[in-house]
Amino acid sequence: MDFDDFKCEMKLNLNEIGLILTDEQIKNFFDFMNLLIEKNKVMNLTGITEPKEVILKHFIDSLTALKYINENNTVIDVGTGAGFPGLPLKMADTSLEITLLDSLNKRINFLNEVIEHTGLENIKTIHGRAEDFGRDSKYREKYDIATSRAVAPLNILLEYMMPFVKVGGKCICMKGSNCDEEIENAKNAIKKLGGEIEKIEKFTLPNSDNNRTILIIKKLKKIDGQYPRNAGIPTKKPL
């Protein structure tokens, strides 16, 4: 797909979610896509490589969270993988201060390549596990927003995310359509981690039958010092 076709497809979808980006911003997305597709030939970053699918299921999907984030917010993307939703959010709102956290160093190397290529500023990557960084005073309760997309079941995921968020901040959890049971099973975890459900938004991605859910959890109070528990425990013994 050449840039003109890409720009047309992006603008068509952006219009559906109420966003306007400059040609320079759209060029960053175009370069990101090409780097993703090229790098994916030698390492497993994504199962989605057809350009229109990348636009819809990676870029537009990520950008549906933007309306819940304010300008100049500090954001940590927990388990960012190939950079979703963190990199698209930064490309669409350059005022955001973004941290991309992932446990696989090869993904971090790829993200650094994208950041260098696009010239993005006030964005950094960290390699490691959320359970470890969530106990580190440099990162604990330092962020306005924590985001995560399809990383783990909600009752596990929130133990990874909530320690990073300031009191009064929010976790933005991006899920598929069938997550009602998951939300019900996470109510105990939400309470233990000092949060409350602020909003559940169900929607369909533009011009498709891809159903999505965004869950907003507001942090009401500081988390007990025992959380997050040591690596592996949240998965084995979910709250």
C-alpha atoms as a PDB file:
ATOM      1  CA  MET A   1       0.000   0.000   0.000  1.00  0.00           C
ATOM      2  CA  ASP A   2       1.458   3.381  -0.993  1.00  0.00           C
ATOM      3  CA  PHE A   3       1.180   6.459   1.215  1.00  0.00           C
ATOM      4  CA  ASP A   4      -1.725   8.065  -0.649  1.00  0.00           C
ATOM      5  CA  ASP A   5      -3.858   4.928  -0.291  1.00  0.00           C
ATOM      6  CA  PHE A   6      -2.800   4.578   3.328  1.00  0.00           C
ATOM      7  CA  LYS A   7      -3.710   8.204   4.080  1.00  0.00           C
ATOM      8  CA  CYS A   8      -7.122   7.780   2.474  1.00  0.00           C
ATOM      9  CA  GLU A   9      -7.851   4.610   4.476  1.00  0.00           C
ATOM     10  CA  MET A  10      -6.633   6.176   7.731  1.00  0.00           C
ATOM     11  CA  LYS A  11      -8.699   9.346   7.265  1.00  0.00           C
ATOM     12  CA  LEU A  12     -11.799   7.327   6.431  1.00  0.00           C
ATOM     13  CA  ASN A  13     -11.492   5.377   9.680  1.00  0.00           C
ATOM     14  CA  LEU A  14     -10.338   8.324  11.786  1.00  0.00           C
ATOM     15  CA  ASN A  15     -13.418  10.243  10.708  1.00  0.00           C
ATOM     16  CA  GLU A  16     -15.595   7.423  12.046  1.00  0.00           C
ATOM     17  CA  ILE A  17     -14.093   7.781  15.537  1.00  0.00           C
ATOM     18  CA  GLY A  18     -14.033  11.586  15.446  1.00  0.00           C
ATOM     19  CA  LEU A  19     -10.288  12.176  15.101  1.00  0.00           C
ATOM     20  CA  ILE A  20      -8.360  14.446  12.751  1.00  0.00           C
ATOM     21  CA  LEU A  21      -4.611  13.962  12.260  1.00  0.00           C
ATOM     22  CA  THR A  22      -2.130  15.925  10.167  1.00  0.00           C
ATOM     23  CA  ASP A  23      -0.440  14.394   7.137  1.00  0.00           C
ATOM     24  CA  GLU A  24       2.808  14.367   9.155  1.00  0.00           C
ATOM     25  CA  GLN A  25       1.138  12.335  11.909  1.00  0.00           C
ATOM     26  CA  ILE A  26      -0.369   9.953   9.366  1.00  0.00           C
ATOM     27  CA  LYS A  27       3.100   9.536   7.807  1.00  0.00           C
ATOM     28  CA  ASN A  28       4.377   8.352  11.210  1.00  0.00           C
ATOM     29  CA  PHE A  29       1.646   5.701  11.252  1.00  0.00           C
ATOM     30  CA  PHE A  30       2.575   4.698   7.691  1.00  0.00           C
ATOM     31  CA  ASP A  31       6.239   4.290   8.638  1.00  0.00           C
ATOM     32  CA  PHE A  32       5.270   2.392  11.800  1.00  0.00           C
ATOM     33  CA  MET A  33       3.155   0.002   9.746  1.00  0.00           C
ATOM     34  CA  ASN A  34       5.937  -0.673   7.265  1.00  0.00           C
ATOM     35  CA  LEU A  35       8.486  -1.263  10.033  1.00  0.00           C
ATOM     36  CA  LEU A  36       6.036  -3.609  11.775  1.00  0.00           C
ATOM     37  CA  ILE A  37       5.350  -5.650   8.629  1.00  0.00           C
ATOM     38  CA  GLU A  38       9.043  -5.836   7.716  1.00  0.00           C
ATOM     39  CA  LYS A  39      10.251  -6.780  11.207  1.00  0.00           C
ATOM     40  CA  ASN A  40       7.452  -9.325  11.550  1.00  0.00           C
ATOM     41  CA  LYS A  41       9.100 -11.385   8.796  1.00  0.00           C
ATOM     42  CA  VAL A  42      11.939 -12.270  11.176  1.00  0.00           C
ATOM     43  CA  MET A  43      10.235 -12.090  14.590  1.00  0.00           C
ATOM     44  CA  ASN A  44       6.726 -12.708  15.840  1.00  0.00           C
ATOM     45  CA  LEU A  45       5.245  -9.277  16.608  1.00  0.00           C
ATOM     46  CA  THR A  46       1.722  -9.637  15.238  1.00  0.00           C
ATOM     47  CA  GLY A  47      -0.558 -12.005  13.382  1.00  0.00           C
ATOM     48  CA  ILE A  48      -2.033  -9.013  11.546  1.00  0.00           C
ATOM     49  CA  THR A  49       0.046  -7.911   8.547  1.00  0.00           C
ATOM     50  CA  GLU A  50      -2.403  -6.908   5.799  1.00  0.00           C
ATOM     51  CA  PRO A  51      -2.292  -3.065   5.657  1.00  0.00           C
ATOM     52  CA  LYS A  52      -6.041  -2.426   5.970  1.00  0.00           C
ATOM     53  CA  GLU A  53      -6.172  -4.832   8.903  1.00  0.00           C
ATOM     54  CA  VAL A  54      -3.204  -3.127  10.581  1.00  0.00           C
ATOM     55  CA  ILE A  55      -4.959   0.231  10.196  1.00  0.00           C
ATOM     56  CA  LEU A  56      -8.238  -0.989  11.672  1.00  0.00           C
ATOM     57  CA  LYS A  57      -7.250  -3.620  14.236  1.00  0.00           C
ATOM     58  CA  HIS A  58      -4.059  -2.021  15.520  1.00  0.00           C
ATOM     59  CA  PHE A  59      -4.122   1.718  14.843  1.00  0.00           C
ATOM     60  CA  ILE A  60      -7.813   2.648  14.989  1.00  0.00           C
ATOM     61  CA  ASP A  61      -8.484   0.147  17.776  1.00  0.00           C
ATOM     62  CA  SER A  62      -5.691   1.712  19.855  1.00  0.00           C
ATOM     63  CA  LEU A  63      -6.935   5.240  19.176  1.00  0.00           C
ATOM     64  CA  THR A  64     -10.426   4.504  20.531  1.00  0.00           C
ATOM     65  CA  ALA A  65      -8.887   4.968  24.005  1.00  0.00           C
ATOM     66  CA  LEU A  66      -7.697   8.510  23.277  1.00  0.00           C
ATOM     67  CA  LYS A  67     -10.936  10.222  24.333  1.00  0.00           C
ATOM     68  CA  TYR A  68     -10.386   8.973  27.896  1.00  0.00           C
ATOM     69  CA  ILE A  69      -6.922  10.550  28.114  1.00  0.00           C
ATOM     70  CA  ASN A  70      -6.237  14.251  28.698  1.00  0.00           C
ATOM     71  CA  GLU A  71      -3.498  16.335  27.108  1.00  0.00           C
ATOM     72  CA  ASN A  72      -0.124  16.129  28.896  1.00  0.00           C
ATOM     73  CA  ASN A  73      -1.140  13.004  30.832  1.00  0.00           C
ATOM     74  CA  THR A  74       1.566  10.575  31.893  1.00  0.00           C
ATOM     75  CA  VAL A  75       0.709   7.145  30.502  1.00  0.00           C
ATOM     76  CA  ILE A  76       2.241   3.705  30.994  1.00  0.00           C
ATOM     77  CA  ASP A  77       1.316   0.987  28.507  1.00  0.00           C
ATOM     78  CA  VAL A  78       1.628  -2.305  30.384  1.00  0.00           C
ATOM     79  CA  GLY A  79       2.546  -5.296  28.236  1.00  0.00           C
ATOM     80  CA  THR A  80       2.736  -3.091  25.161  1.00  0.00           C
ATOM     81  CA  GLY A  81       3.880  -5.869  22.803  1.00  0.00           C
ATOM     82  CA  ALA A  82       4.429  -4.309  19.383  1.00  0.00           C
ATOM     83  CA  GLY A  83       3.438  -0.919  20.813  1.00  0.00           C
ATOM     84  CA  PHE A  84      -0.340  -1.063  21.152  1.00  0.00           C
ATOM     85  CA  PRO A  85      -2.049   1.078  22.234  1.00  0.00           C
ATOM     86  CA  GLY A  86       0.854   3.236  23.493  1.00  0.00           C
ATOM     87  CA  LEU A  87       2.595   4.186  20.245  1.00  0.00           C
ATOM     88  CA  PRO A  88      -0.562   5.149  18.318  1.00  0.00           C
ATOM     89  CA  LEU A  89      -1.736   7.226  21.295  1.00  0.00           C
ATOM     90  CA  LYS A  90       1.572   9.110  21.310  1.00  0.00           C
ATOM     91  CA  MET A  91       1.501   9.614  17.545  1.00  0.00           C
ATOM     92  CA  ALA A  92      -2.002  11.080  17.769  1.00  0.00           C
ATOM     93  CA  ASP A  93      -1.333  13.291  20.828  1.00  0.00           C
ATOM     94  CA  THR A  94       2.312  14.295  21.070  1.00  0.00           C
ATOM     95  CA  SER A  95       1.682  16.069  24.416  1.00  0.00           C
ATOM     96  CA  LEU A  96       1.399  12.700  26.166  1.00  0.00           C
ATOM     97  CA  GLU A  97       4.362  11.413  28.155  1.00  0.00           C
ATOM     98  CA  ILE A  98       4.401   7.702  27.362  1.00  0.00           C
ATOM     99  CA  THR A  99       6.221   4.745  28.891  1.00  0.00           C
ATOM    100  CA  LEU A 100       6.090   1.421  27.023  1.00  0.00           C
ATOM    101  CA  LEU A 101       6.650  -1.599  29.271  1.00  0.00           C
ATOM    102  CA  ASP A 102       7.255  -5.105  27.966  1.00  0.00           C
ATOM    103  CA  SER A 103       8.946  -8.246  29.259  1.00  0.00           C
ATOM    104  CA  LEU A 104      10.511  -9.244  25.915  1.00  0.00           C
ATOM    105  CA  ASN A 105      13.675  -7.389  24.972  1.00  0.00           C
ATOM    106  CA  LYS A 106      13.288  -8.074  21.234  1.00  0.00           C
ATOM    107  CA  ARG A 107       9.998  -6.150  21.295  1.00  0.00           C
ATOM    108  CA  ILE A 108      11.644  -3.287  23.178  1.00  0.00           C
ATOM    109  CA  ASN A 109      14.381  -3.142  20.531  1.00  0.00           C
ATOM    110  CA  PHE A 110      11.720  -2.927  17.818  1.00  0.00           C
ATOM    111  CA  LEU A 111       9.871  -0.150  19.659  1.00  0.00           C
ATOM    112  CA  ASN A 112      13.091   1.831  20.062  1.00  0.00           C
ATOM    113  CA  GLU A 113      13.642   1.503  16.310  1.00  0.00           C
ATOM    114  CA  VAL A 114      10.161   2.928  15.614  1.00  0.00           C
ATOM    115  CA  ILE A 115      10.681   5.773  18.104  1.00  0.00           C
ATOM    116  CA  GLU A 116      14.035   6.683  16.565  1.00  0.00           C
ATOM    117  CA  HIS A 117      12.680   6.491  13.011  1.00  0.00           C
ATOM    118  CA  THR A 118       9.642   8.691  13.729  1.00  0.00           C
ATOM    119  CA  GLY A 119      11.515  11.169  15.956  1.00  0.00           C
ATOM    120  CA  LEU A 120       8.955  10.956  18.762  1.00  0.00           C
ATOM    121  CA  GLU A 121       9.922  12.710  22.001  1.00  0.00           C
ATOM    122  CA  ASN A 122       8.848  12.194  25.630  1.00  0.00           C
ATOM    123  CA  ILE A 123       8.379   8.479  25.075  1.00  0.00           C
ATOM    124  CA  LYS A 124      10.544   5.764  26.608  1.00  0.00           C
ATOM    125  CA  THR A 125      10.674   1.986  26.769  1.00  0.00           C
ATOM    126  CA  ILE A 126      11.396  -0.222  29.757  1.00  0.00           C
ATOM    127  CA  HIS A 127      12.225  -3.906  29.607  1.00  0.00           C
ATOM    128  CA  GLY A 128      10.917  -6.007  32.468  1.00  0.00           C
ATOM    129  CA  ARG A 129       7.920  -7.424  34.280  1.00  0.00           C
ATOM    130  CA  ALA A 130       5.072  -5.313  35.572  1.00  0.00           C
ATOM    131  CA  GLU A 131       5.250  -7.109  38.939  1.00  0.00           C
ATOM    132  CA  ASP A 132       8.806  -5.829  39.439  1.00  0.00           C
ATOM    133  CA  PHE A 133       8.399  -2.269  38.175  1.00  0.00           C
ATOM    134  CA  GLY A 134       5.089  -1.877  40.034  1.00  0.00           C
ATOM    135  CA  ARG A 135       7.021  -2.119  43.318  1.00  0.00           C
ATOM    136  CA  ASP A 136       9.752   0.288  42.197  1.00  0.00           C
ATOM    137  CA  SER A 137       9.299   3.737  43.782  1.00  0.00           C
ATOM    138  CA  LYS A 138      10.391   5.378  40.496  1.00  0.00           C
ATOM    139  CA  TYR A 139       7.283   3.964  38.790  1.00  0.00           C
ATOM    140  CA  ARG A 140       4.789   3.127  41.540  1.00  0.00           C
ATOM    141  CA  GLU A 141       1.795   5.482  41.587  1.00  0.00           C
ATOM    142  CA  LYS A 142       3.548   7.899  39.188  1.00  0.00           C
ATOM    143  CA  TYR A 143       1.146   7.812  36.213  1.00  0.00           C
ATOM    144  CA  ASP A 144      -2.172   9.469  35.389  1.00  0.00           C
ATOM    145  CA  ILE A 145      -3.152   6.558  33.156  1.00  0.00           C
ATOM    146  CA  ALA A 146      -2.237   2.902  32.709  1.00  0.00           C
ATOM    147  CA  THR A 147      -3.324   1.241  29.471  1.00  0.00           C
ATOM    148  CA  SER A 148      -3.310  -2.376  28.392  1.00  0.00           C
ATOM    149  CA  ARG A 149      -4.749  -4.239  25.439  1.00  0.00           C
ATOM    150  CA  ALA A 150      -5.637  -7.944  25.644  1.00  0.00           C
ATOM    151  CA  VAL A 151      -2.735  -8.876  27.924  1.00  0.00           C
ATOM    152  CA  ALA A 152      -4.425 -11.070  30.553  1.00  0.00           C
ATOM    153  CA  PRO A 153      -7.793 -11.736  32.239  1.00  0.00           C
ATOM    154  CA  LEU A 154      -8.967  -8.626  34.062  1.00  0.00           C
ATOM    155  CA  ASN A 155      -8.514  -9.940  37.609  1.00  0.00           C
ATOM    156  CA  ILE A 156      -4.845 -10.627  36.790  1.00  0.00           C
ATOM    157  CA  LEU A 157      -4.312  -7.597  34.574  1.00  0.00           C
ATOM    158  CA  LEU A 158      -5.397  -5.068  37.201  1.00  0.00           C
ATOM    159  CA  GLU A 159      -2.775  -6.308  39.664  1.00  0.00           C
ATOM    160  CA  TYR A 160      -0.212  -5.447  36.978  1.00  0.00           C
ATOM    161  CA  MET A 161      -1.712  -2.047  36.132  1.00  0.00           C
ATOM    162  CA  MET A 162      -3.120  -0.448  39.287  1.00  0.00           C
ATOM    163  CA  PRO A 163       0.174  -0.072  41.193  1.00  0.00           C
ATOM    164  CA  PHE A 164       1.453   2.304  38.499  1.00  0.00           C
ATOM    165  CA  VAL A 165      -1.507   4.696  38.719  1.00  0.00           C
ATOM    166  CA  LYS A 166      -1.784   7.741  40.984  1.00  0.00           C
ATOM    167  CA  VAL A 167      -4.763   8.010  43.303  1.00  0.00           C
ATOM    168  CA  GLY A 168      -7.429   9.649  41.129  1.00  0.00           C
ATOM    169  CA  GLY A 169      -5.875   8.171  37.986  1.00  0.00           C
ATOM    170  CA  LYS A 170      -7.350   5.523  35.708  1.00  0.00           C
ATOM    171  CA  CYS A 171      -6.691   2.142  34.172  1.00  0.00           C
ATOM    172  CA  ILE A 172      -7.913   1.810  30.585  1.00  0.00           C
ATOM    173  CA  CYS A 173      -8.383  -1.882  29.813  1.00  0.00           C
ATOM    174  CA  MET A 174      -9.043  -2.720  26.175  1.00  0.00           C
ATOM    175  CA  LYS A 175     -10.890  -5.981  25.618  1.00  0.00           C
ATOM    176  CA  GLY A 176     -12.901  -7.916  23.061  1.00  0.00           C
ATOM    177  CA  SER A 177     -16.665  -8.208  23.079  1.00  0.00           C
ATOM    178  CA  ASN A 178     -17.251 -11.188  25.369  1.00  0.00           C
ATOM    179  CA  CYS A 179     -15.890  -9.928  28.668  1.00  0.00           C
ATOM    180  CA  ASP A 180     -18.976  -9.659  30.916  1.00  0.00           C
ATOM    181  CA  GLU A 181     -17.974 -12.740  32.914  1.00  0.00           C
ATOM    182  CA  GLU A 182     -14.393 -11.471  33.081  1.00  0.00           C
ATOM    183  CA  ILE A 183     -15.614  -8.166  34.529  1.00  0.00           C
ATOM    184  CA  GLU A 184     -17.772  -9.989  37.079  1.00  0.00           C
ATOM    185  CA  ASN A 185     -14.825 -12.174  38.108  1.00  0.00           C
ATOM    186  CA  ALA A 186     -12.635  -9.080  38.562  1.00  0.00           C
ATOM    187  CA  LYS A 187     -14.871  -7.257  41.070  1.00  0.00           C
ATOM    188  CA  ASN A 188     -12.968  -8.640  44.052  1.00  0.00           C
ATOM    189  CA  ALA A 189      -9.636  -7.595  42.504  1.00  0.00           C
ATOM    190  CA  ILE A 190     -10.965  -4.103  41.758  1.00  0.00           C
ATOM    191  CA  LYS A 191     -12.028  -3.674  45.395  1.00  0.00           C
ATOM    192  CA  LYS A 192      -8.771  -5.041  46.851  1.00  0.00           C
ATOM    193  CA  LEU A 193      -6.722  -2.786  44.574  1.00  0.00           C
ATOM    194  CA  GLY A 194      -8.611   0.350  45.603  1.00  0.00           C
ATOM    195  CA  GLY A 195     -10.534   0.929  42.399  1.00  0.00           C
ATOM    196  CA  GLU A 196     -14.039   1.243  41.054  1.00  0.00           C
ATOM    197  CA  ILE A 197     -15.542   0.756  37.610  1.00  0.00           C
ATOM    198  CA  GLU A 198     -16.115   4.217  36.127  1.00  0.00           C
ATOM    199  CA  LYS A 199     -17.294   3.216  32.662  1.00  0.00           C
ATOM    200  CA  ILE A 200     -17.795   0.241  30.374  1.00  0.00           C
ATOM    201  CA  GLU A 201     -18.029   1.134  26.685  1.00  0.00           C
ATOM    202  CA  LYS A 202     -18.979  -1.475  24.104  1.00  0.00           C
ATOM    203  CA  PHE A 203     -18.592  -0.551  20.450  1.00  0.00           C
ATOM    204  CA  THR A 204     -17.793  -1.848  16.972  1.00  0.00           C
ATOM    205  CA  LEU A 205     -14.718  -0.789  15.018  1.00  0.00           C
ATOM    206  CA  PRO A 206     -15.583   1.319  11.944  1.00  0.00           C
ATOM    207  CA  ASN A 207     -16.888  -0.415   8.827  1.00  0.00           C
ATOM    208  CA  SER A 208     -16.467  -3.872  10.378  1.00  0.00           C
ATOM    209  CA  ASP A 209     -18.032  -6.459  12.650  1.00  0.00           C
ATOM    210  CA  ASN A 210     -15.152  -6.300  15.146  1.00  0.00           C
ATOM    211  CA  ASN A 211     -16.703  -5.713  18.560  1.00  0.00           C
ATOM    212  CA  ARG A 212     -14.667  -4.167  21.362  1.00  0.00           C
ATOM    213  CA  THR A 213     -14.999  -3.178  25.013  1.00  0.00           C
ATOM    214  CA  ILE A 214     -13.144  -0.451  26.886  1.00  0.00           C
ATOM    215  CA  LEU A 215     -13.250  -0.646  30.668  1.00  0.00           C
ATOM    216  CA  ILE A 216     -12.275   2.396  32.738  1.00  0.00           C
ATOM    217  CA  ILE A 217     -11.224   1.700  36.349  1.00  0.00           C
ATOM    218  CA  LYS A 218     -10.660   4.733  38.580  1.00  0.00           C
ATOM    219  CA  LYS A 219      -8.174   4.447  41.438  1.00  0.00           C
ATOM    220  CA  LEU A 220      -9.720   5.742  44.663  1.00  0.00           C
ATOM    221  CA  LYS A 221      -7.010   5.000  47.225  1.00  0.00           C
ATOM    222  CA  LYS A 222      -3.445   3.788  47.635  1.00  0.00           C
ATOM    223  CA  ILE A 223      -2.818   0.091  47.122  1.00  0.00           C
ATOM    224  CA  ASP A 224      -1.731  -2.181  49.955  1.00  0.00           C
ATOM    225  CA  GLY A 225       2.039  -2.655  49.845  1.00  0.00           C
ATOM    226  CA  GLN A 226       1.705  -6.404  49.234  1.00  0.00           C
ATOM    227  CA  TYR A 227       0.568  -5.691  45.650  1.00  0.00           C
ATOM    228  CA  PRO A 228       1.730  -6.463  43.065  1.00  0.00           C
ATOM    229  CA  ARG A 229       2.776  -9.869  44.332  1.00  0.00           C
ATOM    230  CA  ASN A 230       5.945 -11.530  43.050  1.00  0.00           C
ATOM    231  CA  ALA A 231       6.228 -12.502  39.397  1.00  0.00           C
ATOM    232  CA  GLY A 232       4.023 -15.437  38.473  1.00  0.00           C
ATOM    233  CA  ILE A 233       1.786 -15.323  41.545  1.00  0.00           C
ATOM    234  CA  PRO A 234      -0.965 -13.089  40.055  1.00  0.00           C
ATOM    235  CA  THR A 235      -1.368 -15.629  37.244  1.00  0.00           C
ATOM    236  CA  LYS A 236      -1.379 -18.675  39.536  1.00  0.00           C
ATOM    237  CA  LYS A 237      -3.548 -17.133  42.263  1.00  0.00           C
ATOM    238  CA  PRO A 238      -5.686 -14.332  40.765  1.00  0.00           C
ATOM    239  CA  LEU A 239      -7.368 -11.948  43.192  1.00  0.00           C
END
